[in-house]
PDB file of N, CA and C in Angstrom:
ATOM      1  N   MET A   1     130.426 258.385 306.152  1.00  0.00           N
ATOM      2  CA  MET A   1     130.607 259.080 307.395  1.00  0.00           C
ATOM      3  C   MET A   1     131.368 260.358 307.122  1.00  0.00           C
ATOM      4  N   SER A   2     131.310 261.264 308.049  1.00  0.00           N
ATOM      5  CA  SER A   2     132.015 262.520 307.961  1.00  0.00           C
ATOM      6  C   SER A   2     132.700 262.757 309.296  1.00  0.00           C
ATOM      7  N   GLY A   3     133.695 263.580 309.287  1.00  0.00           N
ATOM      8  CA  GLY A   3     134.464 263.843 310.502  1.00  0.00           C
ATOM      9  C   GLY A   3     135.787 263.121 310.405  1.00  0.00           C
ATOM     10  N   ASP A   4     136.796 263.776 309.887  1.00  0.00           N
ATOM     11  CA  ASP A   4     138.067 263.133 309.584  1.00  0.00           C
ATOM     12  C   ASP A   4     138.691 262.427 310.779  1.00  0.00           C
ATOM     13  N   ALA A   5     138.544 262.976 311.958  1.00  0.00           N
ATOM     14  CA  ALA A   5     139.150 262.370 313.146  1.00  0.00           C
ATOM     15  C   ALA A   5     138.537 261.004 313.464  1.00  0.00           C
ATOM     16  N   TYR A   6     137.352 260.738 312.933  1.00  0.00           N
ATOM     17  CA  TYR A   6     136.658 259.476 313.202  1.00  0.00           C
ATOM     18  C   TYR A   6     136.606 258.560 311.991  1.00  0.00           C
ATOM     19  N   ALA A   7     137.348 258.901 310.956  1.00  0.00           N
ATOM     20  CA  ALA A   7     137.315 258.118 309.722  1.00  0.00           C
ATOM     21  C   ALA A   7     137.763 256.676 309.944  1.00  0.00           C
ATOM     22  N   ALA A   8     138.854 256.468 310.644  1.00  0.00           N
ATOM     23  CA  ALA A   8     139.338 255.097 310.862  1.00  0.00           C
ATOM     24  C   ALA A   8     138.299 254.279 311.610  1.00  0.00           C
ATOM     25  N   THR A   9     137.709 254.851 312.625  1.00  0.00           N
ATOM     26  CA  THR A   9     136.686 254.139 313.398  1.00  0.00           C
ATOM     27  C   THR A   9     135.504 253.786 312.513  1.00  0.00           C
ATOM     28  N   GLY A  10     135.031 254.756 311.741  1.00  0.00           N
ATOM     29  CA  GLY A  10     133.885 254.519 310.875  1.00  0.00           C
ATOM     30  C   GLY A  10     134.174 253.508 309.777  1.00  0.00           C
ATOM     31  N   LEU A  11     135.305 253.676 309.101  1.00  0.00           N
ATOM     32  CA  LEU A  11     135.652 252.754 308.020  1.00  0.00           C
ATOM     33  C   LEU A  11     135.908 251.349 308.557  1.00  0.00           C
ATOM     34  N   ASN A  12     136.564 251.268 309.696  1.00  0.00           N
ATOM     35  CA  ASN A  12     136.797 249.947 310.302  1.00  0.00           C
ATOM     36  C   ASN A  12     135.497 249.270 310.723  1.00  0.00           C
ATOM     37  N   ALA A  13     134.473 250.069 311.020  1.00  0.00           N
ATOM     38  CA  ALA A  13     133.174 249.529 311.412  1.00  0.00           C
ATOM     39  C   ALA A  13     132.304 249.167 310.214  1.00  0.00           C
ATOM     40  N   GLY A  14     132.779 249.488 309.000  1.00  0.00           N
ATOM     41  CA  GLY A  14     132.052 249.096 307.806  1.00  0.00           C
ATOM     42  C   GLY A  14     131.393 250.211 307.031  1.00  0.00           C
ATOM     43  N   CYS A  15     131.629 251.463 307.385  1.00  0.00           N
ATOM     44  CA  CYS A  15     131.065 252.565 306.596  1.00  0.00           C
ATOM     45  C   CYS A  15     131.565 252.455 305.158  1.00  0.00           C
ATOM     46  N   ASP A  16     130.691 252.752 304.232  1.00  0.00           N
ATOM     47  CA  ASP A  16     131.034 252.656 302.819  1.00  0.00           C
ATOM     48  C   ASP A  16     131.755 253.887 302.293  1.00  0.00           C
ATOM     49  N   THR A  17     131.512 255.031 302.905  1.00  0.00           N
ATOM     50  CA  THR A  17     132.013 256.288 302.364  1.00  0.00           C
ATOM     51  C   THR A  17     132.518 257.180 303.479  1.00  0.00           C
ATOM     52  N   TRP A  18     133.609 257.874 303.185  1.00  0.00           N
ATOM     53  CA  TRP A  18     134.159 258.881 304.094  1.00  0.00           C
ATOM     54  C   TRP A  18     134.188 260.193 303.337  1.00  0.00           C
ATOM     55  N   TYR A  19     133.431 261.165 303.802  1.00  0.00           N
ATOM     56  CA  TYR A  19     133.447 262.505 303.233  1.00  0.00           C
ATOM     57  C   TYR A  19     134.546 263.275 303.952  1.00  0.00           C
ATOM     58  N   SER A  20     135.707 263.330 303.337  1.00  0.00           N
ATOM     59  CA  SER A  20     136.913 263.834 303.972  1.00  0.00           C
ATOM     60  C   SER A  20     137.165 265.299 303.675  1.00  0.00           C
ATOM     61  N   VAL A  21     137.676 265.990 304.674  1.00  0.00           N
ATOM     62  CA  VAL A  21     138.123 267.363 304.499  1.00  0.00           C
ATOM     63  C   VAL A  21     139.537 267.374 303.916  1.00  0.00           C
ATOM     64  N   ILE A  22     140.392 266.476 304.379  1.00  0.00           N
ATOM     65  CA  ILE A  22     141.801 266.528 303.974  1.00  0.00           C
ATOM     66  C   ILE A  22     142.109 265.863 302.643  1.00  0.00           C
ATOM     67  N   ALA A  23     141.260 264.949 302.186  1.00  0.00           N
ATOM     68  CA  ALA A  23     141.602 264.133 301.020  1.00  0.00           C
ATOM     69  C   ALA A  23     141.863 264.945 299.760  1.00  0.00           C
ATOM     70  N   GLY A  24     141.170 266.043 299.583  1.00  0.00           N
ATOM     71  CA  GLY A  24     141.382 266.852 298.389  1.00  0.00           C
ATOM     72  C   GLY A  24     142.717 267.572 298.386  1.00  0.00           C
ATOM     73  N   THR A  25     143.200 267.902 299.557  1.00  0.00           N
ATOM     74  CA  THR A  25     144.459 268.629 299.672  1.00  0.00           C
ATOM     75  C   THR A  25     145.623 267.700 299.974  1.00  0.00           C
ATOM     76  N   PHE A  26     145.389 266.722 300.817  1.00  0.00           N
ATOM     77  CA  PHE A  26     146.425 265.769 301.229  1.00  0.00           C
ATOM     78  C   PHE A  26     145.922 264.341 300.983  1.00  0.00           C
ATOM     79  N   PRO A  27     145.907 263.904 299.734  1.00  0.00           N
ATOM     80  CA  PRO A  27     145.317 262.605 299.426  1.00  0.00           C
ATOM     81  C   PRO A  27     146.072 261.406 300.011  1.00  0.00           C
ATOM     82  N   GLU A  28     147.369 261.505 300.156  1.00  0.00           N
ATOM     83  CA  GLU A  28     148.141 260.333 300.597  1.00  0.00           C
ATOM     84  C   GLU A  28     147.725 259.808 301.968  1.00  0.00           C
ATOM     85  N   PRO A  29     147.654 260.640 303.014  1.00  0.00           N
ATOM     86  CA  PRO A  29     147.242 260.077 304.302  1.00  0.00           C
ATOM     87  C   PRO A  29     145.798 259.568 304.281  1.00  0.00           C
ATOM     88  N   ALA A  30     144.934 260.232 303.518  1.00  0.00           N
ATOM     89  CA  ALA A  30     143.555 259.763 303.414  1.00  0.00           C
ATOM     90  C   ALA A  30     143.504 258.395 302.732  1.00  0.00           C
ATOM     91  N   LEU A  31     144.291 258.232 301.687  1.00  0.00           N
ATOM     92  CA  LEU A  31     144.344 256.933 301.001  1.00  0.00           C
ATOM     93  C   LEU A  31     144.961 255.854 301.888  1.00  0.00           C
ATOM     94  N   THR A  32     146.001 256.203 302.610  1.00  0.00           N
ATOM     95  CA  THR A  32     146.632 255.231 303.508  1.00  0.00           C
ATOM     96  C   THR A  32     145.621 254.717 304.516  1.00  0.00           C
ATOM     97  N   LEU A  33     144.907 255.627 305.135  1.00  0.00           N
ATOM     98  CA  LEU A  33     143.916 255.251 306.135  1.00  0.00           C
ATOM     99  C   LEU A  33     142.793 254.421 305.509  1.00  0.00           C
ATOM    100  N   THR A  34     142.267 254.882 304.398  1.00  0.00           N
ATOM    101  CA  THR A  34     141.155 254.198 303.736  1.00  0.00           C
ATOM    102  C   THR A  34     141.554 252.809 303.253  1.00  0.00           C
ATOM    103  N   ARG A  35     142.692 252.721 302.597  1.00  0.00           N
ATOM    104  CA  ARG A  35     143.117 251.421 302.057  1.00  0.00           C
ATOM    105  C   ARG A  35     143.408 250.417 303.163  1.00  0.00           C
ATOM    106  N   ALA A  36     143.930 250.890 304.287  1.00  0.00           N
ATOM    107  CA  ALA A  36     144.162 249.986 305.414  1.00  0.00           C
ATOM    108  C   ALA A  36     142.841 249.426 305.921  1.00  0.00           C
ATOM    109  N   ALA A  37     141.852 250.285 306.086  1.00  0.00           N
ATOM    110  CA  ALA A  37     140.543 249.817 306.549  1.00  0.00           C
ATOM    111  C   ALA A  37     139.918 248.864 305.536  1.00  0.00           C
ATOM    112  N   GLN A  38     140.008 249.193 304.256  1.00  0.00           N
ATOM    113  CA  GLN A  38     139.441 248.332 303.215  1.00  0.00           C
ATOM    114  C   GLN A  38     140.138 246.982 303.140  1.00  0.00           C
ATOM    115  N   ALA A  39     141.416 246.960 303.491  1.00  0.00           N
ATOM    116  CA  ALA A  39     142.192 245.716 303.442  1.00  0.00           C
ATOM    117  C   ALA A  39     141.995 244.870 304.702  1.00  0.00           C
ATOM    118  N   GLY A  40     141.138 245.322 305.603  1.00  0.00           N
ATOM    119  CA  GLY A  40     140.913 244.573 306.832  1.00  0.00           C
ATOM    120  C   GLY A  40     142.066 244.700 307.812  1.00  0.00           C
ATOM    121  N   GLU A  41     142.746 245.838 307.777  1.00  0.00           N
ATOM    122  CA  GLU A  41     143.865 246.105 308.678  1.00  0.00           C
ATOM    123  C   GLU A  41     143.502 247.278 309.591  1.00  0.00           C
ATOM    124  N   PRO A  42     142.591 247.035 310.536  1.00  0.00           N
ATOM    125  CA  PRO A  42     142.091 248.135 311.361  1.00  0.00           C
ATOM    126  C   PRO A  42     143.179 248.808 312.203  1.00  0.00           C
ATOM    127  N   ASP A  43     144.152 248.043 312.655  1.00  0.00           N
ATOM    128  CA  ASP A  43     145.218 248.644 313.463  1.00  0.00           C
ATOM    129  C   ASP A  43     146.046 249.632 312.645  1.00  0.00           C
ATOM    130  N   ARG A  44     146.287 249.306 311.383  1.00  0.00           N
ATOM    131  CA  ARG A  44     147.050 250.208 310.516  1.00  0.00           C
ATOM    132  C   ARG A  44     146.246 251.474 310.219  1.00  0.00           C
ATOM    133  N   ALA A  45     144.931 251.330 310.017  1.00  0.00           N
ATOM    134  CA  ALA A  45     144.079 252.501 309.798  1.00  0.00           C
ATOM    135  C   ALA A  45     144.079 253.392 311.041  1.00  0.00           C
ATOM    136  N   GLN A  46     143.951 252.787 312.211  1.00  0.00           N
ATOM    137  CA  GLN A  46     143.962 253.567 313.453  1.00  0.00           C
ATOM    138  C   GLN A  46     145.320 254.224 313.675  1.00  0.00           C
ATOM    139  N   ALA A  47     146.392 253.530 313.305  1.00  0.00           N
ATOM    140  CA  ALA A  47     147.733 254.102 313.461  1.00  0.00           C
ATOM    141  C   ALA A  47     147.892 255.353 312.607  1.00  0.00           C
ATOM    142  N   GLU A  48     147.369 255.331 311.386  1.00  0.00           N
ATOM    143  CA  GLU A  48     147.451 256.522 310.530  1.00  0.00           C
ATOM    144  C   GLU A  48     146.618 257.654 311.115  1.00  0.00           C
ATOM    145  N   SER A  49     145.450 257.333 311.619  1.00  0.00           N
ATOM    146  CA  SER A  49     144.629 258.361 312.259  1.00  0.00           C
ATOM    147  C   SER A  49     145.333 258.921 313.487  1.00  0.00           C
ATOM    148  N   HIS A  50     145.943 258.070 314.263  1.00  0.00           N
ATOM    149  CA  HIS A  50     146.684 258.528 315.447  1.00  0.00           C
ATOM    150  C   HIS A  50     147.844 259.439 315.036  1.00  0.00           C
ATOM    151  N   ARG A  51     148.533 259.086 313.958  1.00  0.00           N
ATOM    152  CA  ARG A  51     149.627 259.922 313.458  1.00  0.00           C
ATOM    153  C   ARG A  51     149.131 261.324 313.114  1.00  0.00           C
ATOM    154  N   LEU A  52     147.908 261.398 312.610  1.00  0.00           N
ATOM    155  CA  LEU A  52     147.319 262.667 312.194  1.00  0.00           C
ATOM    156  C   LEU A  52     146.641 263.425 313.340  1.00  0.00           C
ATOM    157  N   GLN A  53     146.743 262.922 314.562  1.00  0.00           N
ATOM    158  CA  GLN A  53     146.053 263.530 315.696  1.00  0.00           C
ATOM    159  C   GLN A  53     146.344 265.025 315.863  1.00  0.00           C
ATOM    160  N   PRO A  54     147.582 265.489 315.645  1.00  0.00           N
ATOM    161  CA  PRO A  54     147.787 266.943 315.758  1.00  0.00           C
ATOM    162  C   PRO A  54     146.910 267.745 314.793  1.00  0.00           C
ATOM    163  N   LEU A  55     146.654 267.205 313.625  1.00  0.00           N
ATOM    164  CA  LEU A  55     145.758 267.877 312.675  1.00  0.00           C
ATOM    165  C   LEU A  55     144.319 267.806 313.174  1.00  0.00           C
ATOM    166  N   TRP A  56     143.918 266.648 313.675  1.00  0.00           N
ATOM    167  CA  TRP A  56     142.554 266.508 314.210  1.00  0.00           C
ATOM    168  C   TRP A  56     142.350 267.472 315.386  1.00  0.00           C
ATOM    169  N   ASP A  57     143.392 267.661 316.194  1.00  0.00           N
ATOM    170  CA  ASP A  57     143.293 268.601 317.314  1.00  0.00           C
ATOM    171  C   ASP A  57     143.070 270.027 316.820  1.00  0.00           C
ATOM    172  N   LEU A  58     143.760 270.389 315.747  1.00  0.00           N
ATOM    173  CA  LEU A  58     143.541 271.717 315.159  1.00  0.00           C
ATOM    174  C   LEU A  58     142.115 271.839 314.630  1.00  0.00           C
ATOM    175  N   PHE A  59     141.607 270.794 313.990  1.00  0.00           N
ATOM    176  CA  PHE A  59     140.236 270.801 313.488  1.00  0.00           C
ATOM    177  C   PHE A  59     139.259 271.029 314.643  1.00  0.00           C
ATOM    178  N   ALA A  60     139.482 270.334 315.751  1.00  0.00           N
ATOM    179  CA  ALA A  60     138.583 270.461 316.900  1.00  0.00           C
ATOM    180  C   ALA A  60     138.626 271.868 317.482  1.00  0.00           C
ATOM    181  N   ARG A  61     139.786 272.467 317.475  1.00  0.00           N
ATOM    182  CA  ARG A  61     139.943 273.798 318.074  1.00  0.00           C
ATOM    183  C   ARG A  61     139.424 274.918 317.176  1.00  0.00           C
ATOM    184  N   HIS A  62     139.699 274.821 315.864  1.00  0.00           N
ATOM    185  CA  HIS A  62     139.418 275.941 314.965  1.00  0.00           C
ATOM    186  C   HIS A  62     138.391 275.640 313.884  1.00  0.00           C
ATOM    187  N   GLY A  63     138.035 274.392 313.710  1.00  0.00           N
ATOM    188  CA  GLY A  63     137.168 273.998 312.609  1.00  0.00           C
ATOM    189  C   GLY A  63     137.999 273.564 311.412  1.00  0.00           C
ATOM    190  N   SER A  64     137.594 272.491 310.788  1.00  0.00           N
ATOM    191  CA  SER A  64     138.381 271.944 309.680  1.00  0.00           C
ATOM    192  C   SER A  64     138.484 272.915 308.509  1.00  0.00           C
ATOM    193  N   LEU A  65     137.426 273.645 308.230  1.00  0.00           N
ATOM    194  CA  LEU A  65     137.440 274.596 307.109  1.00  0.00           C
ATOM    195  C   LEU A  65     138.526 275.647 307.297  1.00  0.00           C
ATOM    196  N   ARG A  66     138.602 276.227 308.459  1.00  0.00           N
ATOM    197  CA  ARG A  66     139.589 277.274 308.712  1.00  0.00           C
ATOM    198  C   ARG A  66     141.010 276.724 308.700  1.00  0.00           C
ATOM    199  N   VAL A  67     141.191 275.511 309.217  1.00  0.00           N
ATOM    200  CA  VAL A  67     142.534 274.915 309.239  1.00  0.00           C
ATOM    201  C   VAL A  67     142.984 274.574 307.826  1.00  0.00           C
ATOM    202  N   VAL A  68     142.131 273.947 307.046  1.00  0.00           N
ATOM    203  CA  VAL A  68     142.515 273.586 305.677  1.00  0.00           C
ATOM    204  C   VAL A  68     142.682 274.843 304.823  1.00  0.00           C
ATOM    205  N   ALA A  69     141.861 275.860 305.024  1.00  0.00           N
ATOM    206  CA  ALA A  69     142.041 277.120 304.294  1.00  0.00           C
ATOM    207  C   ALA A  69     143.408 277.718 304.614  1.00  0.00           C
ATOM    208  N   THR A  70     143.812 277.648 305.868  1.00  0.00           N
ATOM    209  CA  THR A  70     145.137 278.137 306.259  1.00  0.00           C
ATOM    210  C   THR A  70     146.222 277.289 305.626  1.00  0.00           C
ATOM    211  N   ALA A  71     146.043 275.990 305.642  1.00  0.00           N
ATOM    212  CA  ALA A  71     147.048 275.077 305.080  1.00  0.00           C
ATOM    213  C   ALA A  71     147.254 275.320 303.590  1.00  0.00           C
ATOM    214  N   VAL A  72     146.181 275.435 302.835  1.00  0.00           N
ATOM    215  CA  VAL A  72     146.347 275.622 301.386  1.00  0.00           C
ATOM    216  C   VAL A  72     146.962 276.980 301.069  1.00  0.00           C
ATOM    217  N   ALA A  73     146.675 277.978 301.895  1.00  0.00           N
ATOM    218  CA  ALA A  73     147.320 279.283 301.705  1.00  0.00           C
ATOM    219  C   ALA A  73     148.812 279.175 301.995  1.00  0.00           C
ATOM    220  N   GLN A  74     149.178 278.472 303.052  1.00  0.00           N
ATOM    221  CA  GLN A  74     150.591 278.320 303.393  1.00  0.00           C
ATOM    222  C   GLN A  74     151.344 277.514 302.342  1.00  0.00           C
ATOM    223  N   LEU A  75     150.646 276.624 301.672  1.00  0.00           N
ATOM    224  CA  LEU A  75     151.266 275.834 300.609  1.00  0.00           C
ATOM    225  C   LEU A  75     151.320 276.600 299.282  1.00  0.00           C
ATOM    226  N   GLY A  76     150.783 277.810 299.269  1.00  0.00           N
ATOM    227  CA  GLY A  76     150.806 278.626 298.058  1.00  0.00           C
ATOM    228  C   GLY A  76     149.749 278.258 297.042  1.00  0.00           C
ATOM    229  N   LEU A  77     148.738 277.511 297.441  1.00  0.00           N
ATOM    230  CA  LEU A  77     147.692 277.091 296.515  1.00  0.00           C
ATOM    231  C   LEU A  77     146.576 278.121 296.387  1.00  0.00           C
ATOM    232  N   THR A  78     146.476 279.009 297.367  1.00  0.00           N
ATOM    233  CA  THR A  78     145.482 280.082 297.339  1.00  0.00           C
ATOM    234  C   THR A  78     146.110 281.328 297.942  1.00  0.00           C
ATOM    235  N   SER A  79     145.370 282.404 297.859  1.00  0.00           N
ATOM    236  CA  SER A  79     145.817 283.625 298.536  1.00  0.00           C
ATOM    237  C   SER A  79     145.630 283.452 300.041  1.00  0.00           C
ATOM    238  N   PRO A  80     146.303 284.258 300.834  1.00  0.00           N
ATOM    239  CA  PRO A  80     146.163 284.145 302.290  1.00  0.00           C
ATOM    240  C   PRO A  80     144.737 284.404 302.787  1.00  0.00           C
ATOM    241  N   HIS A  81     144.003 285.239 302.080  1.00  0.00           N
ATOM    242  CA  HIS A  81     142.635 285.570 302.482  1.00  0.00           C
ATOM    243  C   HIS A  81     141.677 284.825 301.562  1.00  0.00           C
ATOM    244  N   ASN A  82     141.449 283.551 301.870  1.00  0.00           N
ATOM    245  CA  ASN A  82     140.712 282.691 300.956  1.00  0.00           C
ATOM    246  C   ASN A  82     139.344 282.254 301.459  1.00  0.00           C
ATOM    247  N   LEU A  83     138.929 282.741 302.621  1.00  0.00           N
ATOM    248  CA  LEU A  83     137.613 282.392 303.147  1.00  0.00           C
ATOM    249  C   LEU A  83     136.597 283.456 302.767  1.00  0.00           C
ATOM    250  N   PRO A  84     135.384 283.052 302.451  1.00  0.00           N
ATOM    251  CA  PRO A  84     134.356 284.044 302.128  1.00  0.00           C
ATOM    252  C   PRO A  84     133.918 284.779 303.399  1.00  0.00           C
ATOM    253  N   LEU A  85     133.578 286.038 303.238  1.00  0.00           N
ATOM    254  CA  LEU A  85     133.034 286.800 304.363  1.00  0.00           C
ATOM    255  C   LEU A  85     131.691 286.208 304.750  1.00  0.00           C
ATOM    256  N   PRO A  86     131.388 286.138 305.979  1.00  0.00           N
ATOM    257  CA  PRO A  86     132.001 286.780 307.130  1.00  0.00           C
ATOM    258  C   PRO A  86     133.014 285.895 307.864  1.00  0.00           C
ATOM    259  N   LEU A  87     133.409 284.772 307.287  1.00  0.00           N
ATOM    260  CA  LEU A  87     134.361 283.894 307.969  1.00  0.00           C
ATOM    261  C   LEU A  87     135.706 284.581 308.111  1.00  0.00           C
ATOM    262  N   ARG A  88     136.324 284.365 309.252  1.00  0.00           N
ATOM    263  CA  ARG A  88     137.631 284.954 309.513  1.00  0.00           C
ATOM    264  C   ARG A  88     138.673 283.858 309.559  1.00  0.00           C
ATOM    265  N   GLY A  89     139.839 284.181 309.040  1.00  0.00           N
ATOM    266  CA  GLY A  89     140.949 283.243 309.084  1.00  0.00           C
ATOM    267  C   GLY A  89     141.560 283.187 310.473  1.00  0.00           C
ATOM    268  N   LEU A  90     142.544 282.355 310.615  1.00  0.00           N
ATOM    269  CA  LEU A  90     143.229 282.194 311.892  1.00  0.00           C
ATOM    270  C   LEU A  90     144.193 283.347 312.134  1.00  0.00           C
ATOM    271  N   ASP A  91     144.465 283.624 313.406  1.00  0.00           N
ATOM    272  CA  ASP A  91     145.431 284.671 313.727  1.00  0.00           C
ATOM    273  C   ASP A  91     146.848 284.150 313.471  1.00  0.00           C
ATOM    274  N   SER A  92     147.830 285.017 313.586  1.00  0.00           N
ATOM    275  CA  SER A  92     149.201 284.659 313.214  1.00  0.00           C
ATOM    276  C   SER A  92     149.752 283.514 314.064  1.00  0.00           C
ATOM    277  N   GLU A  93     149.435 283.485 315.341  1.00  0.00           N
ATOM    278  CA  GLU A  93     149.911 282.400 316.202  1.00  0.00           C
ATOM    279  C   GLU A  93     149.329 281.056 315.770  1.00  0.00           C
ATOM    280  N   ASP A  94     148.040 281.035 315.452  1.00  0.00           N
ATOM    281  CA  ASP A  94     147.399 279.793 315.030  1.00  0.00           C
ATOM    282  C   ASP A  94     147.845 279.383 313.629  1.00  0.00           C
ATOM    283  N   ARG A  95     148.104 280.354 312.749  1.00  0.00           N
ATOM    284  CA  ARG A  95     148.647 280.022 311.423  1.00  0.00           C
ATOM    285  C   ARG A  95     150.023 279.392 311.567  1.00  0.00           C
ATOM    286  N   ALA A  96     150.818 279.892 312.498  1.00  0.00           N
ATOM    287  CA  ALA A  96     152.143 279.308 312.737  1.00  0.00           C
ATOM    288  C   ALA A  96     152.013 277.882 313.244  1.00  0.00           C
ATOM    289  N   ARG A  97     151.022 277.620 314.079  1.00  0.00           N
ATOM    290  CA  ARG A  97     150.809 276.257 314.590  1.00  0.00           C
ATOM    291  C   ARG A  97     150.395 275.322 313.454  1.00  0.00           C
ATOM    292  N   VAL A  98     149.552 275.785 312.553  1.00  0.00           N
ATOM    293  CA  VAL A  98     149.168 274.967 311.397  1.00  0.00           C
ATOM    294  C   VAL A  98     150.410 274.628 310.584  1.00  0.00           C
ATOM    295  N   ALA A  99     151.258 275.612 310.325  1.00  0.00           N
ATOM    296  CA  ALA A  99     152.488 275.369 309.562  1.00  0.00           C
ATOM    297  C   ALA A  99     153.372 274.355 310.275  1.00  0.00           C
ATOM    298  N   GLU A 100     153.467 274.466 311.578  1.00  0.00           N
ATOM    299  CA  GLU A 100     154.279 273.536 312.358  1.00  0.00           C
ATOM    300  C   GLU A 100     153.741 272.108 312.250  1.00  0.00           C
ATOM    301  N   VAL A 101     152.436 271.949 312.361  1.00  0.00           N
ATOM    302  CA  VAL A 101     151.825 270.621 312.258  1.00  0.00           C
ATOM    303  C   VAL A 101     152.029 270.043 310.857  1.00  0.00           C
ATOM    304  N   LEU A 102     151.874 270.865 309.830  1.00  0.00           N
ATOM    305  CA  LEU A 102     152.100 270.379 308.465  1.00  0.00           C
ATOM    306  C   LEU A 102     153.525 269.860 308.307  1.00  0.00           C
ATOM    307  N   ARG A 103     154.488 270.608 308.847  1.00  0.00           N
ATOM    308  CA  ARG A 103     155.895 270.163 308.783  1.00  0.00           C
ATOM    309  C   ARG A 103     156.091 268.866 309.565  1.00  0.00           C
ATOM    310  N   GLU A 104     155.571 268.827 310.789  1.00  0.00           N
ATOM    311  CA  GLU A 104     155.731 267.635 311.631  1.00  0.00           C
ATOM    312  C   GLU A 104     155.167 266.391 310.955  1.00  0.00           C
ATOM    313  N   LEU A 105     154.031 266.547 310.274  1.00  0.00           N
ATOM    314  CA  LEU A 105     153.378 265.411 309.651  1.00  0.00           C
ATOM    315  C   LEU A 105     153.862 265.135 308.226  1.00  0.00           C
ATOM    316  N   GLY A 106     154.704 266.013 307.708  1.00  0.00           N
ATOM    317  CA  GLY A 106     155.190 265.840 306.344  1.00  0.00           C
ATOM    318  C   GLY A 106     154.104 266.015 305.316  1.00  0.00           C
ATOM    319  N   LEU A 107     153.127 266.879 305.610  1.00  0.00           N
ATOM    320  CA  LEU A 107     152.013 267.095 304.692  1.00  0.00           C
ATOM    321  C   LEU A 107     152.361 268.184 303.691  1.00  0.00           C
ATOM    322  N   HIS A 108     152.239 267.844 302.455  1.00  0.00           N
ATOM    323  CA  HIS A 108     152.456 268.761 301.348  1.00  0.00           C
ATOM    324  C   HIS A 108     151.680 268.213 300.181  1.00  0.00           C
ATOM    325  N   THR A 109     151.566 268.993 299.127  1.00  0.00           N
ATOM    326  CA  THR A 109     150.772 268.536 297.977  1.00  0.00           C
ATOM    327  C   THR A 109     151.642 267.769 297.020  1.00  0.00           C
TER     328      THR A 109
END
C-alpha cells in the first residue's frame, strides 16, 4: 500500500508492503508502526499513526514530496532548493510549520 497516513490501517488489514515516504528519512516511526502491525498490535500501530497526524496533515496540504524535501533541507541533508524544476518549494511560513512539526514529533535523522 502507499499513502503514509493510511499505513496503519493498511498494515493492520494485512497489506504485505508499505511504500513509505517517511521511512527513508525518519525510519524509527515507520518501523514502530510497521512492527506493531506485524506483531498483531493494531492499537499500537494506530497510536503511532495518530501521533504522526500533524505530519500527515502537512502531507495532505502540501504533498508529501514537498514536505519531506523541506524537512531534509531543514535537517541539513540537502540544499534548501532541492526540488527539480518546475516544482516549487514551500514558502517561509509553511517551512516554519514543517520545522515546528518536526520538533513537536521529535523527528530527526
